[in-house]
C-alpha atoms as a PDB file:
ATOM      1  CA  MET A   1      81.213 147.546  92.317  1.00  0.00           C
ATOM      2  CA  ASN A   2      81.366 143.814  91.590  1.00  0.00           C
ATOM      3  CA  ARG A   3      84.710 142.184  90.863  1.00  0.00           C
ATOM      4  CA  ILE A   4      86.039 138.766  89.841  1.00  0.00           C
ATOM      5  CA  ILE A   5      88.929 137.044  91.602  1.00  0.00           C
ATOM      6  CA  PHE A   6      90.336 134.127  89.619  1.00  0.00           C
ATOM      7  CA  ASP A   7      93.047 131.489  89.792  1.00  0.00           C
ATOM      8  CA  THR A   8      94.477 128.834  87.499  1.00  0.00           C
ATOM      9  CA  GLU A   9      96.237 125.556  88.167  1.00  0.00           C
ATOM     10  CA  THR A  10      98.623 124.590  85.379  1.00  0.00           C
ATOM     11  CA  VAL A  11     100.722 121.520  84.663  1.00  0.00           C
ATOM     12  CA  SER A  12     103.893 123.451  85.519  1.00  0.00           C
ATOM     13  CA  LEU A  13     105.444 126.901  85.331  1.00  0.00           C
ATOM     14  CA  ASN A  14     106.705 126.148  81.835  1.00  0.00           C
ATOM     15  CA  LYS A  15     103.870 123.924  80.601  1.00  0.00           C
ATOM     16  CA  GLN A  16     101.016 126.331  81.253  1.00  0.00           C
ATOM     17  CA  PHE A  17      98.216 123.991  80.233  1.00  0.00           C
ATOM     18  CA  ILE A  18      95.354 124.839  82.596  1.00  0.00           C
ATOM     19  CA  TYR A  19      93.604 121.870  84.212  1.00  0.00           C
ATOM     20  CA  ASN A  20      91.648 123.817  86.841  1.00  0.00           C
ATOM     21  CA  LEU A  21      90.074 127.263  86.553  1.00  0.00           C
ATOM     22  CA  GLY A  22      88.316 128.754  89.540  1.00  0.00           C
ATOM     23  CA  TYR A  23      86.883 132.125  90.409  1.00  0.00           C
ATOM     24  CA  VAL A  24      84.584 134.006  92.713  1.00  0.00           C
ATOM     25  CA  ILE A  25      82.546 137.099  91.935  1.00  0.00           C
ATOM     26  CA  THR A  26      82.019 139.443  94.858  1.00  0.00           C
ATOM     27  CA  ASP A  27      80.358 142.755  95.534  1.00  0.00           C
ATOM     28  CA  GLY A  28      82.271 145.769  96.810  1.00  0.00           C
ATOM     29  CA  ASP A  29      82.103 144.504 100.393  1.00  0.00           C
ATOM     30  CA  GLY A  30      83.571 141.103  99.520  1.00  0.00           C
ATOM     31  CA  LYS A  31      80.276 139.180  99.663  1.00  0.00           C
ATOM     32  CA  ILE A  32      80.426 136.207  97.284  1.00  0.00           C
ATOM     33  CA  LEU A  33      77.773 136.405  94.558  1.00  0.00           C
ATOM     34  CA  CYS A  34      78.962 133.536  92.349  1.00  0.00           C
ATOM     35  CA  LYS A  35      81.667 130.884  92.400  1.00  0.00           C
ATOM     36  CA  ARG A  36      82.921 128.381  89.830  1.00  0.00           C
ATOM     37  CA  ASP A  37      85.288 125.428  90.009  1.00  0.00           C
ATOM     38  CA  LEU A  38      85.984 124.114  86.503  1.00  0.00           C
ATOM     39  CA  VAL A  39      88.148 121.101  85.645  1.00  0.00           C
ATOM     40  CA  ILE A  40      89.493 121.326  82.108  1.00  0.00           C
ATOM     41  CA  ARG A  41      88.762 118.179  80.171  1.00  0.00           C
ATOM     42  CA  GLN A  42      91.598 118.351  77.616  1.00  0.00           C
ATOM     43  CA  VAL A  43      94.282 118.170  80.298  1.00  0.00           C
ATOM     44  CA  TYR A  44      92.557 116.313  83.132  1.00  0.00           C
ATOM     45  CA  ASP A  45      91.386 113.441  80.894  1.00  0.00           C
ATOM     46  CA  ASN A  46      94.886 113.020  79.441  1.00  0.00           C
ATOM     47  CA  LYS A  47      96.013 111.043  82.468  1.00  0.00           C
ATOM     48  CA  PRO A  48      99.686 110.491  81.466  1.00  0.00           C
ATOM     49  CA  PHE A  49     100.030 114.234  80.837  1.00  0.00           C
ATOM     50  CA  PHE A  50      98.166 115.207  84.005  1.00  0.00           C
ATOM     51  CA  GLU A  51     100.480 112.943  86.004  1.00  0.00           C
ATOM     52  CA  THR A  52     103.359 115.256  85.030  1.00  0.00           C
ATOM     53  CA  ALA A  53     101.653 118.183  86.793  1.00  0.00           C
ATOM     54  CA  TYR A  54     103.392 119.645  89.826  1.00  0.00           C
ATOM     55  CA  TYR A  55     100.253 119.034  91.902  1.00  0.00           C
ATOM     56  CA  ALA A  56      99.239 115.738  90.290  1.00  0.00           C
ATOM     57  CA  ASN A  57      98.823 114.331  93.813  1.00  0.00           C
ATOM     58  CA  LYS A  58      95.715 116.533  94.139  1.00  0.00           C
ATOM     59  CA  ARG A  59      93.778 114.324  91.697  1.00  0.00           C
ATOM     60  CA  PRO A  60      91.685 112.700  94.497  1.00  0.00           C
ATOM     61  CA  ILE A  61      90.401 116.182  95.383  1.00  0.00           C
ATOM     62  CA  TYR A  62      89.112 116.621  91.834  1.00  0.00           C
ATOM     63  CA  VAL A  63      87.607 113.123  91.761  1.00  0.00           C
ATOM     64  CA  ALA A  64      85.724 113.814  95.009  1.00  0.00           C
ATOM     65  CA  GLY A  65      84.741 117.322  93.896  1.00  0.00           C
ATOM     66  CA  MET A  66      83.246 116.138  90.618  1.00  0.00           C
ATOM     67  CA  ARG A  67      81.433 113.234  92.267  1.00  0.00           C
ATOM     68  CA  ALA A  68      79.895 115.668  94.751  1.00  0.00           C
ATOM     69  CA  ARG A  69      79.144 118.116  91.903  1.00  0.00           C
ATOM     70  CA  ARG A  70      81.132 120.870  93.583  1.00  0.00           C
ATOM     71  CA  MET A  71      83.367 120.865  90.506  1.00  0.00           C
ATOM     72  CA  LYS A  72      82.381 120.588  86.870  1.00  0.00           C
ATOM     73  CA  LYS A  73      84.449 119.071  84.073  1.00  0.00           C
ATOM     74  CA  VAL A  74      84.254 121.102  80.868  1.00  0.00           C
ATOM     75  CA  SER A  75      86.336 121.845  77.792  1.00  0.00           C
ATOM     76  CA  TRP A  76      88.553 124.930  77.812  1.00  0.00           C
ATOM     77  CA  GLY A  77      86.193 126.605  75.332  1.00  0.00           C
ATOM     78  CA  GLU A  78      83.191 125.913  77.557  1.00  0.00           C
ATOM     79  CA  ALA A  79      85.050 127.227  80.621  1.00  0.00           C
ATOM     80  CA  CYS A  80      85.733 130.491  78.782  1.00  0.00           C
ATOM     81  CA  ARG A  81      82.096 130.710  77.668  1.00  0.00           C
ATOM     82  CA  ILE A  82      80.882 130.297  81.263  1.00  0.00           C
ATOM     83  CA  MET A  83      83.334 132.888  82.563  1.00  0.00           C
ATOM     84  CA  CYS A  84      82.404 135.395  79.819  1.00  0.00           C
ATOM     85  CA  LYS A  85      78.709 134.904  80.619  1.00  0.00           C
ATOM     86  CA  ASP A  86      79.293 135.513  84.351  1.00  0.00           C
ATOM     87  CA  ILE A  87      81.408 138.607  83.658  1.00  0.00           C
ATOM     88  CA  LYS A  88      78.601 140.041  81.550  1.00  0.00           C
ATOM     89  CA  GLU A  89      75.791 139.029  83.914  1.00  0.00           C
ATOM     90  CA  PHE A  90      77.462 140.598  86.966  1.00  0.00           C
ATOM     91  CA  ASN A  91      78.721 143.691  85.102  1.00  0.00           C
ATOM     92  CA  ILE A  92      82.368 143.008  85.848  1.00  0.00           C
ATOM     93  CA  THR A  93      84.922 145.545  84.695  1.00  0.00           C
ATOM     94  CA  ASP A  94      87.805 144.620  87.022  1.00  0.00           C
ATOM     95  CA  GLY A  95      89.448 141.291  87.761  1.00  0.00           C
ATOM     96  CA  TYR A  96      92.043 140.318  90.348  1.00  0.00           C
ATOM     97  CA  ALA A  97      94.521 137.496  90.762  1.00  0.00           C
ATOM     98  CA  TYR A  98      97.468 136.826  93.042  1.00  0.00           C
ATOM     99  CA  ASN A  99     100.582 137.206  90.883  1.00  0.00           C
ATOM    100  CA  SER A 100      98.250 138.022  88.018  1.00  0.00           C
ATOM    101  CA  ASP A 101     100.981 138.003  85.343  1.00  0.00           C
ATOM    102  CA  PHE A 102     101.215 134.225  85.642  1.00  0.00           C
ATOM    103  CA  ASP A 103      97.472 133.663  85.301  1.00  0.00           C
ATOM    104  CA  GLU A 104      97.153 136.072  82.378  1.00  0.00           C
ATOM    105  CA  ARG A 105      99.992 134.321  80.527  1.00  0.00           C
ATOM    106  CA  ALA A 106      98.317 130.967  81.198  1.00  0.00           C
ATOM    107  CA  PHE A 107      95.018 132.198  79.754  1.00  0.00           C
ATOM    108  CA  TYR A 108      96.571 133.421  76.535  1.00  0.00           C
ATOM    109  CA  PHE A 109      98.795 130.361  76.219  1.00  0.00           C
ATOM    110  CA  ASN A 110      95.681 128.177  76.298  1.00  0.00           C
ATOM    111  CA  HIS A 111      93.816 130.474  73.911  1.00  0.00           C
ATOM    112  CA  ALA A 112      96.687 130.016  71.451  1.00  0.00           C
ATOM    113  CA  ILE A 113      96.658 126.233  71.890  1.00  0.00           C
ATOM    114  CA  TYR A 114      92.910 125.723  71.537  1.00  0.00           C
ATOM    115  CA  GLY A 115      92.091 128.657  69.270  1.00  0.00           C
ATOM    116  CA  ASN A 116      88.883 129.616  71.073  1.00  0.00           C
ATOM    117  CA  LYS A 117      87.344 133.001  70.285  1.00  0.00           C
ATOM    118  CA  ARG A 118      85.873 133.702  73.733  1.00  0.00           C
ATOM    119  CA  ARG A 119      88.632 135.343  75.799  1.00  0.00           C
ATOM    120  CA  PRO A 120      87.284 136.326  79.243  1.00  0.00           C
ATOM    121  CA  LEU A 121      90.123 138.638  80.249  1.00  0.00           C
ATOM    122  CA  ASP A 122      89.878 140.758  77.098  1.00  0.00           C
ATOM    123  CA  GLY A 123      86.870 142.654  78.403  1.00  0.00           C
ATOM    124  CA  ILE A 124      88.153 143.496  81.897  1.00  0.00           C
ATOM    125  CA  LYS A 125      91.094 145.237  83.520  1.00  0.00           C
ATOM    126  CA  VAL A 126      93.210 142.768  85.502  1.00  0.00           C
ATOM    127  CA  HIS A 127      94.896 143.856  88.741  1.00  0.00           C
ATOM    128  CA  ASP A 128      97.535 142.056  90.781  1.00  0.00           C
ATOM    129  CA  ILE A 129      96.454 141.512  94.384  1.00  0.00           C
ATOM    130  CA  MET A 130     100.127 141.632  95.349  1.00  0.00           C
ATOM    131  CA  ASN A 131     100.082 145.367  94.571  1.00  0.00           C
ATOM    132  CA  HIS A 132      97.786 145.808  97.587  1.00  0.00           C
ATOM    133  CA  ILE A 133      99.412 143.607 100.224  1.00  0.00           C
ATOM    134  CA  ASN A 134     102.054 146.059 101.519  1.00  0.00           C
ATOM    135  CA  VAL A 135      99.435 147.515 103.839  1.00  0.00           C
ATOM    136  CA  ILE A 136      99.764 144.219 105.742  1.00  0.00           C
ATOM    137  CA  THR A 137     103.184 142.773 104.914  1.00  0.00           C
ATOM    138  CA  GLN A 138     105.100 145.906 105.921  1.00  0.00           C
ATOM    139  CA  THR A 139     103.776 145.853 109.472  1.00  0.00           C
ATOM    140  CA  ASP A 140     105.905 144.648 112.362  1.00  0.00           C
ATOM    141  CA  GLU A 141     103.025 142.459 113.538  1.00  0.00           C
ATOM    142  CA  TYR A 142     102.947 140.547 110.261  1.00  0.00           C
ATOM    143  CA  ARG A 143     106.719 140.099 110.139  1.00  0.00           C
ATOM    144  CA  LYS A 144     106.722 138.799 113.710  1.00  0.00           C
ATOM    145  CA  PHE A 145     103.934 136.310 112.934  1.00  0.00           C
ATOM    146  CA  CYS A 146     105.817 134.939 109.932  1.00  0.00           C
ATOM    147  CA  LEU A 147     109.158 134.625 111.703  1.00  0.00           C
ATOM    148  CA  GLU A 148     107.591 132.901 114.706  1.00  0.00           C
ATOM    149  CA  ASN A 149     105.557 130.437 112.627  1.00  0.00           C
ATOM    150  CA  GLY A 150     107.916 129.494 109.819  1.00  0.00           C
ATOM    151  CA  TYR A 151     106.348 131.552 107.028  1.00  0.00           C
ATOM    152  CA  VAL A 152     109.761 132.704 105.864  1.00  0.00           C
ATOM    153  CA  THR A 153     111.921 132.677 102.752  1.00  0.00           C
ATOM    154  CA  LYS A 154     114.880 130.284 102.426  1.00  0.00           C
ATOM    155  CA  HIS A 155     117.488 133.045 102.213  1.00  0.00           C
ATOM    156  CA  ILE A 156     120.493 133.177 104.533  1.00  0.00           C
ATOM    157  CA  ARG A 157     118.621 135.862 106.445  1.00  0.00           C
ATOM    158  CA  PRO A 158     115.007 134.618 106.498  1.00  0.00           C
ATOM    159  CA  ARG A 159     112.364 137.181 105.609  1.00  0.00           C
ATOM    160  CA  ALA A 160     108.608 137.114 105.977  1.00  0.00           C
ATOM    161  CA  ARG A 161     106.962 135.507 102.974  1.00  0.00           C
ATOM    162  CA  ARG A 162     104.492 137.452 100.825  1.00  0.00           C
ATOM    163  CA  THR A 163     102.429 134.478  99.704  1.00  0.00           C
ATOM    164  CA  ALA A 164      98.665 134.104  99.813  1.00  0.00           C
ATOM    165  CA  GLU A 165      99.198 131.220 102.246  1.00  0.00           C
ATOM    166  CA  SER A 166     101.152 133.305 104.774  1.00  0.00           C
ATOM    167  CA  LEU A 167      98.772 136.263 104.512  1.00  0.00           C
ATOM    168  CA  TYR A 168      95.672 134.118 104.993  1.00  0.00           C
ATOM    169  CA  ALA A 169      97.260 132.335 107.950  1.00  0.00           C
ATOM    170  CA  TYR A 170      98.020 135.694 109.540  1.00  0.00           C
ATOM    171  CA  LEU A 171      94.611 137.227 108.851  1.00  0.00           C
ATOM    172  CA  THR A 172      92.732 134.200 110.199  1.00  0.00           C
ATOM    173  CA  PHE A 173      95.043 133.613 113.177  1.00  0.00           C
ATOM    174  CA  ASN A 174      95.654 130.076 111.886  1.00  0.00           C
ATOM    175  CA  ARG A 175      99.362 129.345 112.117  1.00  0.00           C
ATOM    176  CA  ASN A 176      98.821 125.817 110.752  1.00  0.00           C
ATOM    177  CA  TYR A 177      97.013 126.891 107.577  1.00  0.00           C
ATOM    178  CA  ARG A 178      98.246 125.364 104.322  1.00  0.00           C
ATOM    179  CA  GLU A 179      97.020 126.448 100.907  1.00  0.00           C
ATOM    180  CA  GLU A 180      95.007 123.797  99.042  1.00  0.00           C
ATOM    181  CA  HIS A 181      96.362 124.728  95.603  1.00  0.00           C
ATOM    182  CA  THR A 182      93.105 124.114  93.783  1.00  0.00           C
ATOM    183  CA  ALA A 183      91.702 127.026  91.802  1.00  0.00           C
ATOM    184  CA  LEU A 184      88.441 127.841  93.585  1.00  0.00           C
ATOM    185  CA  ALA A 185      89.835 127.303  97.084  1.00  0.00           C
ATOM    186  CA  ASP A 186      92.751 129.600  96.303  1.00  0.00           C
ATOM    187  CA  SER A 187      90.453 132.192  94.699  1.00  0.00           C
ATOM    188  CA  MET A 188      88.365 132.290  97.850  1.00  0.00           C
ATOM    189  CA  ILE A 189      91.303 132.942 100.176  1.00  0.00           C
ATOM    190  CA  GLU A 190      92.695 135.507  97.733  1.00  0.00           C
ATOM    191  CA  SER A 191      89.314 137.250  97.677  1.00  0.00           C
ATOM    192  CA  PHE A 192      89.405 137.385 101.468  1.00  0.00           C
ATOM    193  CA  ILE A 193      92.934 138.830 101.396  1.00  0.00           C
ATOM    194  CA  LEU A 194      91.965 141.439  98.798  1.00  0.00           C
ATOM    195  CA  THR A 195      88.933 142.550 100.802  1.00  0.00           C
ATOM    196  CA  GLU A 196      91.058 142.958 103.936  1.00  0.00           C
ATOM    197  CA  CYS A 197      93.740 144.891 102.070  1.00  0.00           C
ATOM    198  CA  LEU A 198      91.270 147.270 100.424  1.00  0.00           C
ATOM    199  CA  LYS A 199      89.572 147.825 103.771  1.00  0.00           C
ATOM    200  CA  ARG A 200      92.892 148.728 105.432  1.00  0.00           C
ATOM    201  CA  GLU A 201      93.833 151.009 102.546  1.00  0.00           C
ATOM    202  CA  THR A 202      90.657 153.046 103.025  1.00  0.00           C
ATOM    203  CA  GLU A 203      91.291 153.244 106.775  1.00  0.00           C
ATOM    204  CA  LYS A 204      94.784 154.726 106.402  1.00  0.00           C
END
């Protein structure tokens, strides 16, 4: 069964204007069938507003990506049209995101702002990848990796983090890995994490 794994980059947690939407569509084995990296014109082209974004320092990545045609700048309405078309073409019924509540809220916030009628998430069931990660994060091996390599919370008693960054670092044996925080790149690592988690769930 094909599935879509998506991610959004927004100006901030409170200002959920999306400036980057990315996703991958995979088959049941995790093979990538389609990928999109869309820069949202309304926010990106409003430079003073974009400069208030938490990851505004990533702008050179978007400049290079668009010049190389790895990324495409479109309006929010066009981004939703493309995503709806891909969902239909690949017969997608289920979508996944890491901390999916945030991404779903961002989608509907932008729908309300721009008033577009195409709403990609309306036709699929969205699942939170974090509901599947216990099969990895509750192992002693994972906890040891995080504690030894600094992937820990800032509490008085540090605990292993449950972020996509720490999970991908563990799964790829790359203790120096740092998340890019652009939508397609993050979708791809989250797709990898989901595939590994589902595989381990079936092996239990």
